Amino acid sequence: MRVTITRVVNTCVLLEFPGDAVLTDPYFVRHWFLRLREPIGLNVSQLPVLTAILGGHSALDHWQPQSMTSYPFKDTTPVYTATSGMAVQGRRFGFDRSEALEWFAERQLSDGLSLEVAPAQVSFGLKANSYVLSSRAGRIYIGTESCDLAALRRYRDDRPAVDIALLPIDGSQLFGRSLVMDAGQAIEGARILGARILIPFHYALRALPPILRMPTGLPDLLRLSAECSDVAVVPLNTGQRWSTELHRGPV
């Protein structure tokens, strides 16, 4: 099975499978006070018909359902979120099938694609979800706000390995408190998950010292990845399409 991944901006990613397409953390309009260091790589008009939309976290750099008001299939597209507030916001902007999911919840998205919610963390009172997409050919982990490596270890205690991990890398710190993993932790996280491929994201925002800091970035990840042979790092520019074959077999 071929999967094609397009990074839109920050943690907004389009994942396309034969007959299915899933979007994470919708973000299609620049917000006035979020300082992005990269352009938004797709327009809403360029999206295929989506099988589902996944919201990993309610922070503004992740969750902008209002930026998809021109999407023509809002009333029939399932939207899965980390919190009830996110689901309410999704319905407010026309996504009638918005639903908050708890950790370890499962949904069958189509005949060939299933969804599982992997535990993440609660930071500053805000719950985050990670997600795993599974097909007969393989598994993809999407950790839009992953921070705690212990959560990944707990997940792997009784779950099979994944083939591809999408993980944050900038180590964002709000008032000195870590929000997501840094570049080194992302590589270790991919190893914990058993992923052979790491696609980095969550490095779009510019720092705003002393409030918001980003200790690491893509250059740090690439430097570290040169020293490891078990995880292949695939950095994607916004708007760049990348494809690979998944062929693990039944899981």
Protein backbone atom coordinates (compact mmCIF):
# COMPACT_ATOMS: atom_id res chain seq x y z
CA MET A 1 0.00 0.00 0.00
CA ARG A 2 1.32 3.43 -0.93
CA VAL A 3 0.90 6.32 1.51
CA THR A 4 1.53 9.93 0.50
CA ILE A 5 2.22 12.55 3.17
CA THR A 6 2.07 16.30 2.59
CA ARG A 7 3.03 18.71 5.38
CA VAL A 8 0.79 21.80 5.20
CA VAL A 9 2.28 23.85 8.06
CA ASN A 10 3.46 23.14 11.61
CA THR A 11 1.49 19.97 12.56
CA CYS A 12 -1.14 20.22 9.83
CA VAL A 13 -0.47 17.21 7.61
CA LEU A 14 -2.41 15.46 4.84
CA LEU A 15 -2.05 11.67 4.75
CA GLU A 16 -3.38 9.94 1.63
CA PHE A 17 -4.00 6.22 1.27
CA PRO A 18 -5.71 4.34 -1.57
CA GLY A 19 -9.34 5.43 -1.16
CA ASP A 20 -8.77 7.46 2.03
CA ALA A 21 -7.36 10.82 3.12
CA VAL A 22 -6.85 12.07 6.68
CA LEU A 23 -5.95 15.62 7.77
CA THR A 24 -4.35 16.52 11.09
CA ASP A 25 -4.58 19.81 13.01
CA PRO A 26 -6.26 22.02 10.36
CA TYR A 27 -4.44 25.34 9.84
CA PHE A 28 -5.02 27.18 6.55
CA VAL A 29 -5.11 30.89 7.48
CA ARG A 30 -2.26 32.73 9.19
CA HIS A 31 -3.28 34.05 12.61
CA TRP A 32 -2.30 37.61 13.41
CA PHE A 33 -0.24 36.88 16.52
CA LEU A 34 1.26 33.49 15.63
CA ARG A 35 4.64 34.17 14.03
CA LEU A 36 5.23 31.40 11.49
CA ARG A 37 8.65 30.87 9.95
CA GLU A 38 7.27 28.96 6.94
CA PRO A 39 4.44 29.41 4.40
CA ILE A 40 1.20 27.43 4.46
CA GLY A 41 1.73 24.76 1.82
CA LEU A 42 -1.83 23.99 0.65
CA ASN A 43 -5.14 25.76 0.19
CA VAL A 44 -8.40 24.25 1.38
CA SER A 45 -9.48 24.05 -2.28
CA GLN A 46 -6.60 21.62 -2.92
CA LEU A 47 -7.78 19.08 -0.36
CA PRO A 48 -9.33 15.79 -1.46
CA VAL A 49 -12.52 14.49 0.09
CA LEU A 50 -11.38 13.67 3.60
CA THR A 51 -12.12 10.43 5.42
CA ALA A 52 -11.49 12.16 8.77
CA ILE A 53 -9.93 15.20 10.43
CA LEU A 54 -7.87 14.75 13.61
CA GLY A 55 -7.34 17.47 16.21
CA GLY A 56 -4.47 16.71 18.57
CA HIS A 57 -4.50 19.83 20.75
CA SER A 58 -6.60 22.95 21.27
CA ALA A 59 -3.76 25.50 21.06
CA LEU A 60 -4.10 27.99 18.21
CA ASP A 61 -1.04 26.65 16.39
CA HIS A 62 -2.88 23.32 16.07
CA TRP A 63 -6.60 23.85 15.97
CA GLN A 64 -8.13 26.26 13.42
CA PRO A 65 -11.37 24.65 12.12
CA GLN A 66 -12.58 28.12 11.11
CA SER A 67 -9.83 28.16 8.48
CA MET A 68 -11.73 25.38 6.64
CA THR A 69 -15.10 27.12 6.24
CA SER A 70 -14.81 26.79 2.44
CA TYR A 71 -14.34 23.00 2.62
CA PRO A 72 -17.47 21.64 0.86
CA PHE A 73 -17.91 18.41 2.86
CA LYS A 74 -18.01 19.76 6.42
CA ASP A 75 -21.35 18.20 7.33
CA THR A 76 -20.32 14.66 6.38
CA THR A 77 -16.64 14.55 7.43
CA PRO A 78 -15.94 12.98 10.84
CA VAL A 79 -13.77 15.16 13.07
CA TYR A 80 -12.07 13.63 16.11
CA THR A 81 -10.63 15.88 18.80
CA ALA A 82 -8.86 15.76 22.14
CA THR A 83 -11.45 17.73 24.11
CA SER A 84 -15.17 18.45 24.13
CA GLY A 85 -14.42 22.16 23.69
CA MET A 86 -12.62 21.42 20.42
CA ALA A 87 -15.58 19.33 19.26
CA VAL A 88 -18.00 22.16 20.10
CA GLN A 89 -15.84 24.57 18.12
CA GLY A 90 -15.77 22.16 15.19
CA ARG A 91 -19.57 21.98 15.14
CA ARG A 92 -19.76 25.77 15.39
CA PHE A 93 -17.88 26.02 12.11
CA GLY A 94 -20.02 23.46 10.30
CA PHE A 95 -18.35 20.15 11.13
CA ASP A 96 -21.48 18.45 12.42
CA ARG A 97 -19.75 15.13 13.03
CA SER A 98 -17.21 16.43 15.55
CA GLU A 99 -16.52 14.10 18.47
CA ALA A 100 -14.08 14.22 21.40
CA LEU A 101 -12.22 10.95 21.96
CA GLU A 102 -10.57 9.68 25.12
CA TRP A 103 -7.22 7.92 25.16
CA PHE A 104 -7.36 4.34 23.79
CA ALA A 105 -10.65 4.98 21.95
CA GLU A 106 -10.92 3.33 18.54
CA ARG A 107 -12.84 4.14 15.36
CA GLN A 108 -13.12 2.35 12.03
CA LEU A 109 -12.64 5.09 9.46
CA SER A 110 -13.23 2.92 6.39
CA ASP A 111 -12.99 -0.70 5.29
CA GLY A 112 -9.22 -0.37 5.05
CA LEU A 113 -8.27 2.19 7.70
CA SER A 114 -8.74 2.33 11.47
CA LEU A 115 -7.96 4.92 14.12
CA GLU A 116 -6.71 4.52 17.67
CA VAL A 117 -6.15 7.32 20.19
CA ALA A 118 -2.77 7.01 21.89
CA PRO A 119 -2.20 8.70 25.26
CA ALA A 120 -0.28 11.96 25.25
CA GLN A 121 -0.36 14.36 28.20
CA VAL A 122 -2.18 17.22 29.93
CA SER A 123 -0.21 20.49 29.96
CA PHE A 124 -1.45 23.74 31.49
CA GLY A 125 -4.79 22.00 31.94
CA LEU A 126 -5.10 21.20 28.21
CA LYS A 127 -5.42 17.55 27.17
CA ALA A 128 -3.61 16.34 24.05
CA ASN A 129 -4.28 13.27 21.93
CA SER A 130 -1.92 11.32 19.75
CA TYR A 131 -3.32 9.09 17.02
CA VAL A 132 -2.39 5.88 15.24
CA LEU A 133 -3.71 5.10 11.76
CA SER A 134 -3.65 1.39 10.93
CA SER A 135 -4.18 -0.48 7.70
CA ARG A 136 -3.45 -4.05 6.71
CA ALA A 137 -0.14 -2.80 5.35
CA GLY A 138 1.18 -0.78 8.29
CA ARG A 139 0.77 1.79 11.04
CA ILE A 140 1.46 5.52 11.34
CA TYR A 141 1.83 7.37 14.66
CA ILE A 142 0.80 11.05 14.73
CA GLY A 143 1.99 12.83 17.88
CA THR A 144 1.15 16.46 17.25
CA GLU A 145 1.82 17.57 20.84
CA SER A 146 3.88 14.63 22.09
CA CYS A 147 6.06 15.53 25.06
CA ASP A 148 6.34 12.60 27.45
CA LEU A 149 8.46 9.64 26.29
CA ALA A 150 6.96 7.63 29.13
CA ALA A 151 3.57 7.86 27.40
CA LEU A 152 5.10 6.33 24.27
CA ARG A 153 6.63 3.53 26.33
CA ARG A 154 3.31 2.79 28.01
CA TYR A 155 1.62 2.67 24.63
CA ARG A 156 4.21 0.22 23.27
CA ASP A 157 3.90 -2.07 26.28
CA ASP A 158 0.99 -3.89 24.62
CA ARG A 159 0.80 -2.42 21.12
CA PRO A 160 2.69 -3.39 17.94
CA ALA A 161 5.35 -1.18 16.43
CA VAL A 162 4.52 1.55 13.96
CA ASP A 163 6.18 2.07 10.57
CA ILE A 164 6.21 5.88 10.46
CA ALA A 165 6.21 8.37 13.34
CA LEU A 166 5.29 12.04 12.93
CA LEU A 167 6.70 13.80 15.98
CA PRO A 168 7.41 17.38 17.16
CA ILE A 169 11.04 18.45 17.36
CA ASP A 170 11.37 22.06 18.57
CA GLY A 171 11.10 21.41 22.32
CA SER A 172 8.76 24.40 22.74
CA GLN A 173 8.84 25.89 26.23
CA LEU A 174 6.16 28.21 27.59
CA PHE A 175 7.48 30.19 30.56
CA GLY A 176 10.22 27.56 30.86
CA ARG A 177 7.85 24.58 30.91
CA SER A 178 8.28 22.03 28.12
CA LEU A 179 5.30 21.57 25.81
CA VAL A 180 6.67 19.09 23.26
CA MET A 181 9.71 16.89 22.79
CA ASP A 182 12.95 18.23 21.36
CA ALA A 183 14.97 16.85 18.43
CA GLY A 184 16.86 14.25 20.46
CA GLN A 185 13.71 13.06 22.20
CA ALA A 186 11.96 12.75 18.83
CA ILE A 187 14.59 10.30 17.60
CA GLU A 188 14.31 8.34 20.85
CA GLY A 189 10.52 8.46 20.56
CA ALA A 190 10.67 6.98 17.06
CA ARG A 191 12.88 4.18 18.43
CA ILE A 192 10.45 3.48 21.27
CA LEU A 193 7.59 3.25 18.76
CA GLY A 194 9.61 0.93 16.53
CA ALA A 195 9.33 3.36 13.61
CA ARG A 196 11.78 3.04 10.74
CA ILE A 197 10.90 6.54 9.48
CA LEU A 198 10.58 9.81 11.43
CA ILE A 199 8.83 12.76 9.81
CA PRO A 200 9.47 15.88 11.91
CA PHE A 201 6.95 18.64 12.46
CA HIS A 202 6.04 21.30 15.05
CA TYR A 203 8.89 23.67 14.19
CA ALA A 204 6.97 26.44 12.37
CA LEU A 205 6.64 29.00 15.16
CA ARG A 206 9.15 31.74 15.85
CA ALA A 207 10.34 32.14 19.43
CA LEU A 208 9.05 34.98 21.58
CA PRO A 209 11.55 35.21 24.47
CA PRO A 210 11.20 35.01 27.37
CA ILE A 211 7.62 33.74 27.00
CA LEU A 212 8.05 31.13 24.27
CA ARG A 213 11.32 29.40 23.44
CA MET A 214 12.23 26.69 20.91
CA PRO A 215 15.55 25.12 21.99
CA THR A 216 15.95 22.81 18.97
CA GLY A 217 14.97 22.70 15.34
CA LEU A 218 15.48 20.91 12.06
CA PRO A 219 19.28 21.49 11.87
CA ASP A 220 19.65 19.83 15.29
CA LEU A 221 17.56 16.88 14.19
CA LEU A 222 19.52 16.39 10.97
CA ARG A 223 22.82 16.56 12.87
CA LEU A 224 21.64 13.93 15.34
CA SER A 225 20.15 11.73 12.64
CA ALA A 226 23.52 11.54 10.88
CA GLU A 227 24.75 9.58 13.89
CA CYS A 228 21.98 6.95 13.90
CA SER A 229 21.26 4.17 11.41
CA ASP A 230 18.02 2.73 12.77
CA VAL A 231 15.72 5.71 12.11
CA ALA A 232 15.53 7.51 8.77
CA VAL A 233 14.58 11.18 9.12
CA VAL A 234 12.45 12.57 6.28
CA PRO A 235 12.09 16.37 6.56
CA LEU A 236 9.30 17.85 4.42
CA ASN A 237 8.97 21.43 3.25
CA THR A 238 5.43 22.78 3.44
CA GLY A 239 3.49 21.70 0.39
CA GLN A 240 5.95 18.90 -0.39
CA ARG A 241 4.43 15.50 -1.20
CA TRP A 242 6.36 12.39 -0.14
CA SER A 243 5.34 8.79 -0.79
CA THR A 244 6.43 5.38 0.42
CA GLU A 245 5.15 1.82 0.41
CA LEU A 246 3.75 0.25 3.54
CA HIS A 247 4.09 -3.52 3.41
CA ARG A 248 4.19 -4.84 6.96
CA GLY A 249 1.31 -7.23 6.36
CA PRO A 250 -1.71 -7.84 8.64
CA VAL A 251 -1.45 -6.33 12.14
